[in-house]
Structure formats: C-alpha cells, structure tokens
Amino acid sequence: MRLHPGCLSTLPADIARPRYDRSRLTIGIVHLGIGAFHRAHQAVYTDDALNRDFGPWGITGVSLRSPDTYDALAPQGGLYTVAVRDAGGEHLRVVGSVTEVLVAPEDPEAVLERLTRPTVRVVTLTVTEKGYCHDPATGALNEDHPGIRHDLANPHRPETAPGLLTEALERRRRAGTAPFTVLSCDNLPSNGDTIAGILRRFASLRDPALGRWVEDNVAFPNSMVDRIVPATTDEDREAVSRHLGWKDAWPVVTEPFSQWVIEDRFPTGRPAWELEGAQLVEDVRPYEFMKLRLLNASHSTMAYLGYLAGYATISETVADPAFARLIRGLMDEEVTPTLPVPPGADLDRYKAALLERFANPALKHRTWQIAMDGTQKLPQRLLGTIRDRLAAGAPIDRLALGVAGWMRYVTGEDETGQPIDVRDPLAARLKAVADGARRSAETLAPALLGVREVFGDDLPGNPAFTGSVTKALGRLLADGARRTVEAQP
C-alpha cells in the first residue's frame, strides 16, 4: 500500500516524521520546479522549521513540464521519504511540508490561483539554468526564446517560469495584494539579481508600468544551495519502501551535508530557516563563488571527462587517482586564487570535504546526469573563472581541459564509437556543428566556440583561451580522456 498521511503513526520508530499537524497547514510558499533537489533541500529546511515553530508555510509544488512528480506524490498526500546515505549507513525521514503538487501545462490557471493567494509570501525556484529563458553568457532575458515569445503574445496563459511569475505579480498588483518574494535556488551567479533582471525586462515588455512596479516592489534575494542529490533509481524505491513498510513511489536520496546561504530580504516574512542551519547573510556572493567554482566546476569537469573515460558515477571517477589529482589541482592552482573568501571559511578544509563528498560510495551520482545542459552550465561553472585567470595572465590548463571535455562529449559519440545521449537545449545545433567539423580539434574547437550564447564575444577572440582549449581537445581526440588526465601534472 502507498505511503499516505494516515499511516505516519505506523512507521518504524527509527524513521523521523512530521511532528506538526499537517491538516492545519496554510499554503505560504509556492515552489516552481519540484524535482529531487528541492525535496531534499528547501522542503527539508521548511519541514524542520515547521517542527520547531509551526506557521503558515505549507508548500505547493509546481512541475513546469512532466506530471511524474504529481503522479507519484498526489496519492501520498504530498508525503515522501528522504534517504540520507553515506559509507556509515542510511537514515530515513518522511517530509510533510509539501501539501500538494500541480502540473503547470495541465492547469496553468490553478498555478496562477495559488500564486495570487494573499497567504503566499515566498516563491522559490529550482527550474535549472535553462528554465530562466535567458542568455547564459550575459544573464539577460532571451527575447527570442520560443516560450518567452509565446508568453508575451499570450500573457494570461503563460508557459514559462518568467511568464507565470509576471502574470501572478500583475494579478496581485491589480488586486492590491502585496507581492511575494522571489527566491531563486538555482546554480546561477547572483541568482536573485539574475531573475530580477529577467522579470523586470519581461514585465516591461508587457507593460512599462508593470516593469516599474516589479522593480520598485518585488524582493529578489540571492541565495546559494549545496547538497548532492542523485536521481532516484528503482532500487532506491524498493529499498526505501521495504524499510517503511509502505510503498513510496518517489523517495529522494542524498548525502548528510546540506548548506543554504540566503540574503535576508523578505518584506512579507519567511519561515525560520536559520534555526535549522540556513545562513542568513548580507552578501551571498563569496559563498556562491566558492561553491560554483569549486564544487560545480569540479562536478562538470569530472562528468565530461569521467563519462568519456568509461566511469558511470562521480564516486567511480574520483576513485581514479589521476582524476582525484586533476580535480585537486584544478581547485588549488586555478580556482582558489580567484575566490573572495567568505568570513570564517576554511578553504583547505572545504576542498578536502568536497573530495570526500565526491567519493561517497552510497551516492550513485551519474556522470551522464551532471553532463546535461552544458550550454547552460559552463558560463558560471568554468568560464567565469577562466575570464578571471586570463585577466591575471595566469594559466588555465585544467579549466581548458574541462571545456574541451564538454566539446568532445557533445560530438555525440564516445571513445568506443557508441552514441552519447546528449541532453541540452542546443543539442541539435551542437551535433550539426560537430558533424561539420569532422573530429579535428583545429576545426571543432573554433566551431563550438562560435556558440555565442555560451562563450560570448570575448573568449573566442582570446588566443590564450582558444589555444589552450584547442590543444586540450586535440589530446582528448588523439589519446582519449583517461590517458589525457593521467598526463596532467
């Protein structure tokens, strides 16, 4: 039988569960993009806050694409299990902060109705980089994006996150309802500032007066989130359900580590997340730089090169001494000199902890999963650091190898001649570019560097960058990823 609210009292004693009355919860948060990460991170912080200090902070989760999460969680009353795993074992908890799930393409009006409720004071987002419909190289709204064009032509039937948020804010403005705070939890540089620029521009295109109202009245705090959450497998579902004694159709699996750093700008209120470990700060940027440039850059570099070397997971990749040496060198020699250090941070301890987290054998974090949507991820994970290094006249060998790994990966064929399932908004364009370049580094590198949305106008004209990337790509094509990584100092 399925996990459901009525069975909470029957769960085994070692499984944590909500200590508050879920039937009294009022919707105070709408979350766009209710995937595994949100359910292992922000929803857990909110669940903990409700356990400590009950308030009107129930979450409506919204899927912007697939109904899969709705299909799994609706019969369970929004309940699901978080399995925290490491080499020492597993700890399970059932999370109750998500009270309902909606599917935007199936019923956008229901989503807009929730977003316009006066009780909703915070809207959080984990829609991935591509969900912002922006130009990754500049952070600006992509006004030619098909979804943006649709939403500008049909503002009352929006399909995108910017369209939904803007229409909801317009309805609140007309009704005289205070706006909600928009809290991005995606891996974007200055994510609050980024979504602020996108929404202000979109709103201005709809109506200049609306654009001014959004700029004057809506808060967009920056935030940084960190927790490794691999995709749930059927094996995970079976193991968790067996322990519960009830079937959980979509548990999430994660690591013990969790971090959330937030700028404390919430004019209409928020849950007491700081009582549960969230850090409320004036400036997120130092924390964001540290995470994006150390953790995320390492993840992407290992994802492309590890996949090409035949490794299915990050833990397998970093278990290879050559890859561990590459990543530690990347962090120490090329990334760390570019970082503003957050107050009280111990970078050496943080980097050592990252390598331990990457090596966690209980997390099956697939290289293929992390490799998705590279055109949206490279600018903030690798290219920002590269720009800083080039400006300082410093070498970029390891960073350039990460970029070259992406180029080799998006050719769509691995080192054994087998196809790679490249998942990216620009996948068709990348394949056409790669097919036309005929697998020569001298033709493939400049062809892919011509993807302006990723590399902008500056990097393709910088010989230090183009030369390093072309050289690294040539080694990958000639020697393969494993031998190339082994040859790195």
Protein backbone atom coordinates (compact mmCIF):
# COMPACT_ATOMS: atom_id res chain seq x y z
CA MET A 1 0.00 0.00 0.00
CA ARG A 2 1.11 3.57 -0.69
CA LEU A 3 2.59 5.90 1.87
CA HIS A 4 -0.15 8.33 2.98
CA PRO A 5 -0.90 10.72 5.87
CA GLY A 6 -2.91 8.16 7.78
CA CYS A 7 -0.01 5.74 8.04
CA LEU A 8 2.52 8.08 9.69
CA SER A 9 1.87 6.68 13.18
CA THR A 10 2.55 3.14 11.93
CA LEU A 11 6.03 3.81 10.58
CA PRO A 12 9.00 2.10 12.23
CA ALA A 13 10.35 4.01 15.23
CA ASP A 14 13.69 4.81 13.58
CA ILE A 15 12.04 6.82 10.78
CA ALA A 16 11.60 10.52 11.51
CA ARG A 17 8.28 12.10 10.53
CA PRO A 18 6.45 15.45 10.84
CA ARG A 19 5.71 16.43 14.43
CA TYR A 20 3.12 19.04 13.43
CA ASP A 21 -0.50 18.75 12.33
CA ARG A 22 -0.36 18.85 8.53
CA SER A 23 -4.11 19.35 8.31
CA ARG A 24 -3.62 22.85 9.77
CA LEU A 25 -1.03 23.93 7.21
CA THR A 26 -1.74 27.02 5.11
CA ILE A 27 -0.02 27.46 1.77
CA GLY A 28 2.63 30.14 2.24
CA ILE A 29 5.23 29.03 -0.32
CA VAL A 30 4.87 28.08 -3.97
CA HIS A 31 7.83 26.24 -5.42
CA LEU A 32 8.42 26.14 -9.17
CA GLY A 33 10.35 23.09 -10.35
CA ILE A 34 9.57 20.42 -7.78
CA GLY A 35 12.35 17.98 -8.55
CA ALA A 36 14.55 15.85 -6.35
CA PHE A 37 16.80 18.69 -5.27
CA HIS A 38 14.02 20.85 -3.83
CA ARG A 39 12.56 17.89 -1.97
CA ALA A 40 15.97 17.06 -0.45
CA HIS A 41 16.84 20.66 0.37
CA GLN A 42 14.43 23.61 0.73
CA ALA A 43 11.44 21.40 1.62
CA VAL A 44 13.53 19.73 4.34
CA TYR A 45 14.57 23.07 5.85
CA THR A 46 10.91 24.12 5.82
CA ASP A 47 9.82 20.82 7.37
CA ASP A 48 12.37 21.32 10.15
CA ALA A 49 11.19 24.91 10.69
CA LEU A 50 7.57 23.72 10.97
CA ASN A 51 8.59 21.10 13.51
CA ARG A 52 10.25 23.76 15.65
CA ASP A 53 7.94 26.75 15.12
CA PHE A 54 4.69 25.91 13.34
CA GLY A 55 3.41 28.58 10.95
CA PRO A 56 1.63 29.20 7.64
CA TRP A 57 4.40 27.76 5.49
CA GLY A 58 2.97 24.81 3.61
CA ILE A 59 4.43 24.32 0.14
CA THR A 60 2.58 23.97 -3.16
CA GLY A 61 5.00 22.30 -5.55
CA VAL A 62 4.66 23.04 -9.25
CA SER A 63 6.05 20.95 -12.08
CA LEU A 64 6.65 23.03 -15.20
CA ARG A 65 6.95 20.05 -17.53
CA SER A 66 6.29 16.46 -16.57
CA PRO A 67 3.40 15.11 -14.46
CA ASP A 68 5.66 12.40 -12.98
CA THR A 69 6.12 14.07 -9.58
CA TYR A 70 2.37 14.75 -9.31
CA ASP A 71 1.58 11.14 -10.23
CA ALA A 72 3.94 9.91 -7.52
CA LEU A 73 3.11 12.31 -4.70
CA ALA A 74 -0.59 13.14 -5.12
CA PRO A 75 -1.75 9.68 -3.93
CA GLN A 76 0.63 10.10 -0.98
CA GLY A 77 -0.81 13.45 0.12
CA GLY A 78 2.50 15.09 -0.76
CA LEU A 79 4.49 12.87 1.60
CA TYR A 80 7.80 11.36 0.54
CA THR A 81 10.93 9.94 2.11
CA VAL A 82 14.41 11.44 2.24
CA ALA A 83 17.14 8.80 2.50
CA VAL A 84 20.42 10.25 3.79
CA ARG A 85 23.27 7.92 2.90
CA ASP A 86 26.99 7.68 3.41
CA ALA A 87 29.54 4.93 3.98
CA GLY A 88 28.24 4.52 7.54
CA GLY A 89 24.69 3.65 6.53
CA GLU A 90 21.30 5.23 5.93
CA HIS A 91 18.85 7.42 7.83
CA LEU A 92 15.24 7.87 6.66
CA ARG A 93 12.76 10.65 7.32
CA VAL A 94 9.30 11.37 5.89
CA VAL A 95 8.87 15.03 4.92
CA GLY A 96 5.47 16.71 5.27
CA SER A 97 5.99 20.33 4.20
CA VAL A 98 4.79 19.73 0.61
CA THR A 99 0.99 19.68 0.80
CA GLU A 100 0.12 19.49 -2.90
CA VAL A 101 1.66 19.23 -6.36
CA LEU A 102 0.36 20.90 -9.52
CA VAL A 103 1.35 20.43 -13.17
CA ALA A 104 1.54 23.79 -14.90
CA PRO A 105 0.98 22.62 -18.50
CA GLU A 106 -2.16 20.74 -17.46
CA ASP A 107 -3.72 23.51 -15.35
CA PRO A 108 -1.84 26.83 -15.51
CA GLU A 109 -4.84 28.66 -14.03
CA ALA A 110 -4.61 26.57 -10.86
CA VAL A 111 -0.94 27.52 -10.55
CA LEU A 112 -1.77 31.20 -11.03
CA GLU A 113 -4.56 30.93 -8.43
CA ARG A 114 -2.05 29.65 -5.85
CA LEU A 115 0.49 32.32 -6.80
CA THR A 116 -2.07 35.07 -6.27
CA ARG A 117 -3.31 33.91 -2.87
CA PRO A 118 -2.57 36.58 -0.24
CA THR A 119 -1.21 33.88 2.09
CA VAL A 120 1.61 33.09 -0.36
CA ARG A 121 4.57 35.22 0.64
CA VAL A 122 7.53 33.38 -0.91
CA VAL A 123 8.02 31.77 -4.33
CA THR A 124 11.11 29.58 -4.59
CA LEU A 125 12.58 28.19 -7.82
CA THR A 126 14.72 25.23 -8.85
CA VAL A 127 13.92 25.23 -12.56
CA THR A 128 17.55 24.56 -13.66
CA GLU A 129 19.56 27.08 -15.63
CA LYS A 130 17.56 26.60 -18.82
CA GLY A 131 14.27 27.38 -17.05
CA TYR A 132 15.17 31.06 -16.83
CA CYS A 133 14.89 31.51 -20.62
CA HIS A 134 17.98 33.71 -20.56
CA ASP A 135 21.26 34.10 -22.38
CA PRO A 136 23.78 32.19 -20.19
CA ALA A 137 26.66 34.33 -21.42
CA THR A 138 25.05 37.63 -20.34
CA GLY A 139 22.30 36.68 -17.87
CA ALA A 140 19.77 38.75 -19.83
CA LEU A 141 16.31 37.60 -20.90
CA ASN A 142 16.42 35.77 -24.24
CA GLU A 143 13.66 37.65 -26.00
CA ASP A 144 13.79 35.22 -28.94
CA HIS A 145 13.14 32.18 -26.72
CA PRO A 146 10.02 30.40 -28.07
CA GLY A 147 8.45 30.24 -24.62
CA ILE A 148 9.06 33.92 -24.00
CA ARG A 149 7.56 34.84 -27.36
CA HIS A 150 4.53 32.70 -26.52
CA ASP A 151 4.06 34.27 -23.09
CA LEU A 152 4.36 37.82 -24.41
CA ALA A 153 1.69 37.05 -27.01
CA ASN A 154 -0.47 35.13 -24.50
CA PRO A 155 0.23 36.72 -21.11
CA HIS A 156 -2.80 35.15 -19.43
CA ARG A 157 -1.81 31.62 -20.49
CA PRO A 158 1.91 31.51 -19.64
CA GLU A 159 4.15 28.50 -20.17
CA THR A 160 7.48 29.62 -18.71
CA ALA A 161 8.63 30.46 -15.20
CA PRO A 162 9.12 34.16 -16.09
CA GLY A 163 5.67 34.22 -17.68
CA LEU A 164 3.95 32.60 -14.69
CA LEU A 165 5.66 34.85 -12.16
CA THR A 166 4.95 38.02 -14.12
CA GLU A 167 1.29 37.21 -14.69
CA ALA A 168 0.87 36.37 -11.00
CA LEU A 169 2.56 39.61 -9.95
CA GLU A 170 0.34 41.58 -12.34
CA ARG A 171 -2.77 39.99 -10.82
CA ARG A 172 -1.55 40.80 -7.32
CA ARG A 173 -0.82 44.39 -8.38
CA ARG A 174 -4.34 44.83 -9.77
CA ALA A 175 -5.87 43.30 -6.63
CA GLY A 176 -3.79 45.44 -4.29
CA THR A 177 -2.12 42.35 -2.81
CA ALA A 178 1.46 42.66 -1.61
CA PRO A 179 3.93 40.89 -3.93
CA PHE A 180 5.62 37.67 -2.92
CA THR A 181 9.40 37.43 -2.55
CA VAL A 182 11.08 35.57 -5.42
CA LEU A 183 13.85 33.29 -4.13
CA SER A 184 15.94 31.54 -6.78
CA CYS A 185 17.70 28.40 -5.55
CA ASP A 186 19.42 27.53 -8.84
CA ASN A 187 23.13 27.47 -9.62
CA LEU A 188 23.32 30.86 -11.29
CA PRO A 189 25.75 33.67 -10.45
CA SER A 190 23.87 36.24 -8.35
CA ASN A 191 20.73 34.19 -8.93
CA GLY A 192 18.43 36.73 -7.28
CA ASP A 193 19.85 39.58 -9.32
CA THR A 194 19.59 37.43 -12.45
CA ILE A 195 15.91 36.57 -12.02
CA ALA A 196 15.23 40.19 -11.05
CA GLY A 197 16.68 41.40 -14.35
CA ILE A 198 14.78 38.77 -16.30
CA LEU A 199 11.41 39.51 -14.68
CA ARG A 200 11.81 43.28 -14.85
CA ARG A 201 12.61 43.10 -18.53
CA PHE A 202 9.78 40.66 -19.27
CA ALA A 203 7.31 42.75 -17.27
CA SER A 204 8.45 45.91 -19.07
CA LEU A 205 7.90 44.27 -22.43
CA ARG A 206 4.34 43.50 -21.33
CA ASP A 207 3.70 46.92 -19.81
CA PRO A 208 6.30 49.54 -18.80
CA ALA A 209 4.23 50.44 -15.74
CA LEU A 210 4.27 46.80 -14.62
CA GLY A 211 8.02 46.69 -15.11
CA ARG A 212 8.45 49.74 -12.86
CA TRP A 213 6.15 48.22 -10.23
CA VAL A 214 8.17 44.98 -10.18
CA GLU A 215 11.40 46.94 -9.84
CA ASP A 216 10.04 49.07 -7.01
CA ASN A 217 8.17 46.43 -5.02
CA VAL A 218 9.44 42.86 -5.53
CA ALA A 219 12.34 41.46 -3.47
CA PHE A 220 14.80 39.09 -5.12
CA PRO A 221 17.32 37.90 -2.51
CA ASN A 222 20.35 35.98 -3.75
CA SER A 223 20.92 32.51 -2.35
CA MET A 224 23.36 29.63 -2.56
CA VAL A 225 22.35 26.00 -2.15
CA ASP A 226 24.50 22.92 -1.77
CA ARG A 227 23.57 19.28 -1.45
CA ILE A 228 24.35 16.36 -3.75
CA VAL A 229 21.10 14.68 -4.86
CA PRO A 230 21.43 11.95 -7.50
CA ALA A 231 18.48 10.69 -9.49
CA THR A 232 16.31 8.14 -7.67
CA THR A 233 16.54 4.60 -9.03
CA ASP A 234 14.08 1.71 -8.89
CA GLU A 235 16.49 0.04 -6.47
CA ASP A 236 16.21 3.09 -4.19
CA ARG A 237 12.41 2.94 -4.31
CA GLU A 238 12.37 -0.73 -3.40
CA ALA A 239 14.85 -0.35 -0.52
CA VAL A 240 13.08 2.65 0.99
CA SER A 241 9.63 1.10 0.64
CA ARG A 242 10.83 -2.10 2.26
CA HIS A 243 12.11 -0.15 5.27
CA LEU A 244 8.92 1.95 5.55
CA GLY A 245 6.56 -0.96 5.23
CA TRP A 246 4.65 1.21 2.75
CA LYS A 247 5.32 1.95 -0.91
CA ASP A 248 6.92 5.33 -1.57
CA ALA A 249 6.72 5.98 -5.31
CA TRP A 250 9.35 8.72 -5.32
CA PRO A 251 11.75 8.99 -2.40
CA VAL A 252 14.89 11.10 -2.74
CA VAL A 253 18.41 10.02 -1.88
CA THR A 254 21.04 12.46 -0.67
CA GLU A 255 24.16 12.98 1.44
CA PRO A 256 24.41 14.19 5.04
CA PHE A 257 25.89 17.56 4.03
CA SER A 258 23.49 20.43 3.35
CA GLN A 259 24.06 24.18 3.07
CA TRP A 260 21.78 27.12 2.34
CA VAL A 261 23.03 30.71 2.38
CA ILE A 262 20.39 33.42 1.87
CA GLU A 263 20.34 37.19 1.77
CA ASP A 264 17.78 38.18 4.40
CA ARG A 265 15.39 40.31 2.30
CA PHE A 266 11.81 39.08 2.81
CA PRO A 267 9.46 42.06 3.22
CA THR A 268 6.38 39.93 3.95
CA GLY A 269 8.03 37.23 6.05
CA ARG A 270 9.55 33.77 5.73
CA PRO A 271 9.96 30.55 7.75
CA ALA A 272 12.62 30.50 10.48
CA TRP A 273 15.07 28.63 8.24
CA GLU A 274 18.05 29.97 10.17
CA LEU A 275 17.01 27.94 13.24
CA GLU A 276 17.57 24.81 11.14
CA GLY A 277 21.03 25.67 9.83
CA ALA A 278 20.44 28.11 6.98
CA GLN A 279 22.84 31.05 6.99
CA LEU A 280 21.18 34.47 6.69
CA VAL A 281 23.77 36.94 5.39
CA GLU A 282 24.07 40.38 3.81
CA ASP A 283 26.06 39.20 0.77
CA VAL A 284 25.86 35.70 -0.73
CA ARG A 285 28.46 36.25 -3.44
CA PRO A 286 31.56 34.90 -1.64
CA TYR A 287 29.72 31.69 -0.74
CA GLU A 288 28.29 31.42 -4.25
CA PHE A 289 31.69 31.84 -5.90
CA MET A 290 33.21 29.21 -3.63
CA LYS A 291 30.51 26.67 -4.42
CA LEU A 292 30.09 27.32 -8.15
CA ARG A 293 33.80 27.46 -8.87
CA LEU A 294 34.92 24.61 -6.62
CA LEU A 295 32.08 22.10 -6.37
CA ASN A 296 30.15 22.72 -9.59
CA ALA A 297 33.23 23.27 -11.77
CA SER A 298 34.72 20.04 -10.44
CA HIS A 299 31.45 18.19 -11.00
CA SER A 300 31.19 19.28 -14.64
CA THR A 301 34.85 18.55 -15.35
CA MET A 302 34.50 15.05 -13.89
CA ALA A 303 31.18 14.50 -15.62
CA TYR A 304 32.51 15.03 -19.17
CA LEU A 305 35.96 13.53 -18.75
CA GLY A 306 34.76 10.74 -16.46
CA TYR A 307 31.97 9.73 -18.82
CA LEU A 308 34.40 9.65 -21.73
CA ALA A 309 36.80 7.54 -19.67
CA GLY A 310 34.03 5.00 -19.05
CA TYR A 311 33.05 5.92 -15.49
CA ALA A 312 29.32 5.84 -14.76
CA THR A 313 29.36 7.79 -11.49
CA ILE A 314 31.27 10.59 -9.80
CA SER A 315 32.43 8.29 -7.00
CA GLU A 316 33.97 5.91 -9.55
CA THR A 317 35.61 8.83 -11.33
CA VAL A 318 37.23 10.39 -8.27
CA ALA A 319 38.36 6.95 -7.06
CA ASP A 320 40.79 7.04 -10.00
CA PRO A 321 43.95 8.70 -8.58
CA ALA A 322 44.57 10.55 -11.85
CA PHE A 323 41.14 12.20 -11.71
CA ALA A 324 41.47 12.98 -7.99
CA ARG A 325 44.82 14.66 -8.72
CA LEU A 326 43.29 16.63 -11.62
CA ILE A 327 40.41 17.92 -9.51
CA ARG A 328 42.58 18.84 -6.52
CA GLY A 329 44.94 20.68 -8.87
CA LEU A 330 42.01 22.44 -10.53
CA MET A 331 40.74 23.64 -7.16
CA ASP A 332 44.11 24.56 -5.64
CA GLU A 333 46.02 26.02 -8.58
CA GLU A 334 43.40 27.56 -10.84
CA VAL A 335 40.19 28.23 -8.88
CA THR A 336 41.29 29.23 -5.38
CA PRO A 337 43.29 32.32 -6.47
CA THR A 338 40.08 33.76 -7.99
CA LEU A 339 37.93 33.40 -4.88
CA PRO A 340 36.80 36.04 -2.39
CA VAL A 341 36.86 34.01 0.82
CA PRO A 342 33.65 34.12 2.91
CA PRO A 343 34.05 35.24 6.53
CA GLY A 344 35.37 32.42 8.67
CA ALA A 345 35.70 29.96 5.78
CA ASP A 346 38.50 27.38 5.77
CA LEU A 347 39.13 26.74 2.06
CA ASP A 348 41.52 23.84 2.61
CA ARG A 349 39.00 22.05 4.80
CA TYR A 350 36.19 22.82 2.34
CA LYS A 351 38.15 21.38 -0.60
CA ALA A 352 39.11 18.26 1.34
CA ALA A 353 35.46 17.80 2.32
CA LEU A 354 34.42 18.14 -1.35
CA LEU A 355 36.70 15.28 -2.35
CA GLU A 356 35.22 13.16 0.45
CA ARG A 357 31.69 14.01 -0.69
CA PHE A 358 32.52 13.19 -4.31
CA ALA A 359 33.87 9.81 -3.17
CA ASN A 360 30.74 8.87 -1.15
CA PRO A 361 30.11 5.28 -2.34
CA ALA A 362 26.48 5.35 -1.22
CA LEU A 363 25.56 8.05 -3.77
CA LYS A 364 25.28 6.88 -7.37
CA HIS A 365 25.55 10.33 -8.93
CA ARG A 366 25.77 9.63 -12.64
CA THR A 367 28.25 11.47 -14.80
CA TRP A 368 25.64 11.50 -17.58
CA GLN A 369 23.14 13.27 -15.30
CA ILE A 370 25.59 16.04 -14.39
CA ALA A 371 26.64 16.40 -18.04
CA MET A 372 23.14 17.53 -19.04
CA ASP A 373 22.52 21.10 -20.20
CA GLY A 374 26.17 22.00 -20.54
CA THR A 375 25.47 25.11 -22.60
CA GLN A 376 23.57 26.49 -19.61
CA LYS A 377 26.17 25.47 -17.01
CA LEU A 378 29.59 26.21 -18.50
CA PRO A 379 29.43 30.03 -18.22
CA GLN A 380 29.07 30.08 -14.44
CA ARG A 381 30.91 26.88 -13.59
CA LEU A 382 34.06 27.27 -15.70
CA LEU A 383 34.08 30.33 -17.94
CA GLY A 384 33.84 32.96 -15.21
CA THR A 385 36.95 31.54 -13.55
CA ILE A 386 38.68 31.34 -16.93
CA ARG A 387 37.99 35.03 -17.58
CA ASP A 388 39.48 35.96 -14.21
CA ARG A 389 42.56 33.81 -14.83
CA LEU A 390 43.09 35.26 -18.30
CA ALA A 391 42.78 38.79 -16.95
CA ALA A 392 45.53 37.97 -14.44
CA GLY A 393 47.72 36.40 -17.12
CA ALA A 394 47.53 33.06 -15.30
CA PRO A 395 47.45 29.56 -16.86
CA ILE A 396 44.13 27.76 -17.44
CA ASP A 397 45.29 24.25 -18.42
CA ARG A 398 42.91 22.28 -16.20
CA LEU A 399 39.96 24.60 -16.77
CA ALA A 400 40.55 24.42 -20.52
CA LEU A 401 40.57 20.62 -20.29
CA GLY A 402 37.11 20.75 -18.69
CA VAL A 403 35.84 22.88 -21.59
CA ALA A 404 37.50 20.54 -24.08
CA GLY A 405 35.84 17.59 -22.33
CA TRP A 406 32.46 19.21 -22.97
CA MET A 407 33.38 19.73 -26.64
CA ARG A 408 34.39 16.09 -27.03
CA TYR A 409 31.24 14.95 -25.22
CA VAL A 410 28.80 16.92 -27.39
CA THR A 411 30.09 15.28 -30.55
CA GLY A 412 27.58 12.61 -29.51
CA GLU A 413 29.91 9.63 -29.85
CA ASP A 414 32.08 8.12 -27.11
CA GLU A 415 35.57 6.72 -27.39
CA THR A 416 34.29 3.27 -28.32
CA GLY A 417 32.12 4.59 -31.13
CA GLN A 418 28.88 4.28 -29.15
CA PRO A 419 26.32 7.13 -29.26
CA ILE A 420 26.07 9.58 -26.36
CA ASP A 421 22.59 10.74 -25.41
CA VAL A 422 23.40 14.45 -25.24
CA ARG A 423 20.65 16.30 -23.34
CA ASP A 424 20.90 20.03 -23.95
CA PRO A 425 18.62 22.82 -25.19
CA LEU A 426 21.07 23.30 -28.08
CA ALA A 427 21.74 19.60 -28.70
CA ALA A 428 20.66 19.60 -32.36
CA ARG A 429 22.77 22.66 -33.11
CA LEU A 430 25.79 21.23 -31.31
CA LYS A 431 25.51 17.97 -33.25
CA ALA A 432 25.32 19.82 -36.55
CA VAL A 433 28.41 21.85 -35.63
CA ALA A 434 30.32 18.75 -34.52
CA ASP A 435 29.34 16.75 -37.62
CA GLY A 436 30.57 19.57 -39.85
CA ALA A 437 33.90 19.84 -38.05
CA ARG A 438 34.96 16.25 -38.87
CA ARG A 439 36.51 15.49 -35.48
CA SER A 440 39.57 17.72 -35.91
CA ALA A 441 40.46 19.90 -32.92
CA GLU A 442 41.52 22.69 -35.27
CA THR A 443 38.04 22.80 -36.81
CA LEU A 444 35.85 21.53 -33.94
CA ALA A 445 37.11 23.92 -31.26
CA PRO A 446 36.54 27.17 -33.20
CA ALA A 447 33.20 25.89 -34.49
CA LEU A 448 31.90 25.26 -30.96
CA LEU A 449 33.47 28.46 -29.64
CA GLY A 450 31.19 30.20 -32.10
CA VAL A 451 28.19 29.34 -29.92
CA ARG A 452 27.86 32.88 -28.63
CA GLU A 453 25.21 32.05 -26.03
CA VAL A 454 27.90 30.10 -24.18
CA PHE A 455 31.21 31.81 -24.88
CA GLY A 456 30.12 35.38 -25.57
CA ASP A 457 32.10 37.64 -27.86
CA ASP A 458 35.32 37.91 -25.84
CA LEU A 459 36.60 34.37 -25.29
CA PRO A 460 36.55 33.25 -28.96
CA GLY A 461 38.87 36.18 -29.74
CA ASN A 462 41.36 35.45 -26.95
CA PRO A 463 44.32 33.40 -28.27
CA ALA A 464 45.33 32.25 -24.78
CA PHE A 465 41.90 30.70 -24.33
CA THR A 466 41.38 29.30 -27.81
CA GLY A 467 44.91 27.90 -27.92
CA SER A 468 44.59 26.12 -24.57
CA VAL A 469 41.19 24.63 -25.40
CA THR A 470 42.23 23.51 -28.89
CA LYS A 471 45.38 21.87 -27.51
CA ALA A 472 43.41 20.04 -24.80
CA LEU A 473 40.77 18.92 -27.30
CA GLY A 474 43.47 17.62 -29.61
CA ARG A 475 44.86 15.45 -26.81
CA LEU A 476 41.41 14.09 -25.98
CA LEU A 477 40.74 13.18 -29.61
CA ALA A 478 44.15 11.58 -30.04
CA ASP A 479 44.74 9.86 -26.70
CA GLY A 480 41.33 9.58 -25.02
CA ALA A 481 40.18 11.01 -21.70
CA ARG A 482 41.91 8.53 -19.37
CA ARG A 483 45.38 8.97 -20.84
CA THR A 484 44.95 12.72 -21.15
CA VAL A 485 44.00 13.05 -17.49
CA GLU A 486 46.88 10.80 -16.45
CA ALA A 487 49.29 13.07 -18.34
CA GLN A 488 48.17 16.17 -16.40
CA PRO A 489 50.73 17.35 -13.84
